[in-house]
């Protein structure tokens, strides 16, 4: 529930600009979420299987999908280039996302205008 201006509700219908009552995220019905997070313009979910899904505004790379498109339904994030470990926790910021794997390693993606993804530079 809340704003859907950027597709951050994950319901696949951008004509619905906001919802003030709960709406089912149908894409995730048959999955078992372990962790979820909501940023201002994007959302994320980790399944018990370790798969990570993001949706909403991807213009700053906050979805971790390798491009800067936005999606109104959950999209699977591919971590295979950086780790074979399961992602266990996730947190969405304004336009960035942080993930923690099962060994305690942190992965980040998205906007770094103010150094928020911790790479030592802006």
Protein backbone atom coordinates (compact mmCIF):
# COMPACT_ATOMS: atom_id res chain seq x y z
CA UNK A 1 0.00 0.00 0.00
CA UNK A 2 1.12 3.57 -0.56
CA UNK A 3 2.55 5.35 -3.57
CA UNK A 4 2.87 3.50 -6.87
CA UNK A 5 4.14 6.39 -9.01
CA UNK A 6 7.31 4.44 -9.91
CA UNK A 7 5.85 0.91 -9.76
CA UNK A 8 7.23 0.39 -6.26
CA UNK A 9 4.16 -1.57 -5.14
CA UNK A 10 5.07 -4.36 -7.57
CA UNK A 11 1.48 -4.88 -8.71
CA UNK A 12 2.18 -4.43 -12.43
CA UNK A 13 -0.38 -1.66 -12.95
CA UNK A 14 1.06 1.84 -13.31
CA UNK A 15 -2.40 3.31 -13.82
CA UNK A 16 -2.89 2.85 -10.07
CA UNK A 17 -0.95 5.80 -8.64
CA UNK A 18 -1.44 4.86 -4.99
CA UNK A 19 -3.29 2.41 -2.76
CA UNK A 20 -4.46 3.12 0.77
CA UNK A 21 -5.37 -0.53 1.43
CA UNK A 22 -3.20 -3.67 1.02
CA UNK A 23 -2.84 -5.11 -2.49
CA UNK A 24 -1.50 -8.59 -3.30
CA UNK A 25 1.87 -8.76 -5.10
CA UNK A 26 0.79 -11.63 -7.34
CA UNK A 27 4.26 -12.33 -8.75
CA UNK A 28 5.44 -13.45 -5.30
CA UNK A 29 2.36 -15.50 -4.29
CA UNK A 30 4.02 -18.90 -4.73
CA UNK A 31 7.34 -17.84 -3.16
CA UNK A 32 8.40 -17.69 0.48
CA UNK A 33 9.78 -14.24 1.36
CA UNK A 34 12.48 -14.10 4.00
CA UNK A 35 13.14 -10.35 4.01
CA UNK A 36 11.57 -7.29 2.40
CA UNK A 37 12.49 -3.63 2.21
CA UNK A 38 10.91 -0.50 0.80
CA UNK A 39 12.73 2.62 -0.32
CA UNK A 40 11.12 5.83 -1.48
CA UNK A 41 10.81 4.71 -5.11
CA UNK A 42 11.75 1.03 -5.18
CA UNK A 43 11.21 -2.15 -3.20
CA UNK A 44 13.04 -5.44 -2.73
CA UNK A 45 12.42 -8.95 -1.47
CA UNK A 46 14.66 -11.91 -0.63
CA UNK A 47 13.17 -15.38 -0.85
CA UNK A 48 14.11 -18.26 1.45
CA UNK A 49 15.81 -19.78 -1.60
CA UNK A 50 18.24 -16.85 -1.57
CA UNK A 51 16.86 -15.28 -4.74
CA UNK A 52 16.57 -11.50 -4.65
CA UNK A 53 13.85 -9.51 -6.44
CA UNK A 54 13.60 -5.74 -6.94
CA UNK A 55 11.02 -3.46 -8.56
CA UNK A 56 10.12 0.19 -8.94
CA UNK A 57 12.36 3.05 -10.11
CA UNK A 58 15.64 1.82 -11.57
CA UNK A 59 16.85 5.14 -12.99
CA UNK A 60 19.83 5.31 -10.61
CA UNK A 61 20.64 1.57 -10.75
CA UNK A 62 18.91 0.90 -7.41
CA UNK A 63 17.32 -2.30 -8.74
CA UNK A 64 20.67 -3.99 -9.44
CA UNK A 65 19.46 -5.31 -12.79
CA UNK A 66 22.38 -4.05 -14.90
CA UNK A 67 20.50 -1.19 -16.53
CA UNK A 68 18.51 1.84 -15.44
CA UNK A 69 14.97 0.84 -16.38
CA UNK A 70 12.02 0.80 -14.03
CA UNK A 71 9.76 -2.20 -13.46
CA UNK A 72 6.27 -2.45 -11.98
CA UNK A 73 6.63 -6.16 -11.12
CA UNK A 74 9.39 -7.97 -9.19
CA UNK A 75 12.50 -8.80 -11.25
CA UNK A 76 15.19 -11.30 -10.24
CA UNK A 77 18.62 -9.81 -9.45
CA UNK A 78 21.57 -11.85 -10.73
CA UNK A 79 24.38 -12.03 -8.15
CA UNK A 80 26.28 -14.79 -9.99
CA UNK A 81 29.04 -12.38 -11.14
CA UNK A 82 29.91 -11.40 -7.55
CA UNK A 83 29.00 -14.29 -5.25
CA UNK A 84 27.61 -17.81 -5.07
CA UNK A 85 26.46 -17.19 -1.48
CA UNK A 86 22.83 -16.63 -0.55
CA UNK A 87 21.69 -13.08 0.06
CA UNK A 88 20.05 -13.04 3.50
CA UNK A 89 19.20 -9.38 4.19
CA UNK A 90 18.36 -6.33 2.10
CA UNK A 91 17.75 -2.66 2.73
CA UNK A 92 16.49 -0.03 0.27
CA UNK A 93 17.48 3.61 0.58
CA UNK A 94 16.28 6.55 -1.47
CA UNK A 95 17.95 5.39 -4.72
CA UNK A 96 20.33 2.68 -3.55
CA UNK A 97 20.19 -0.84 -2.14
CA UNK A 98 22.42 -2.76 0.27
CA UNK A 99 22.49 -6.56 0.54
CA UNK A 100 24.14 -8.83 3.09
CA UNK A 101 25.09 -12.38 2.15
CA UNK A 102 25.17 -15.42 4.41
CA UNK A 103 28.90 -14.93 5.18
CA UNK A 104 28.52 -11.29 6.22
CA UNK A 105 29.72 -9.67 2.99
CA UNK A 106 27.89 -6.50 1.90
CA UNK A 107 26.94 -5.73 -1.72
CA UNK A 108 25.65 -2.35 -2.86
CA UNK A 109 24.16 -0.82 -6.00
CA UNK A 110 22.43 2.38 -7.01
CA UNK A 111 23.02 6.09 -6.62
CA UNK A 112 26.28 7.20 -5.01
CA UNK A 113 25.81 10.97 -5.34
CA UNK A 114 26.49 11.51 -1.64
CA UNK A 115 28.74 8.47 -1.03
CA UNK A 116 25.83 6.41 0.32
CA UNK A 117 27.01 3.13 -1.16
CA UNK A 118 30.35 3.40 0.65
CA UNK A 119 32.85 3.17 -2.20
CA UNK A 120 35.06 5.92 -0.81
CA UNK A 121 34.07 8.49 -3.42
CA UNK A 122 30.97 10.14 -4.79
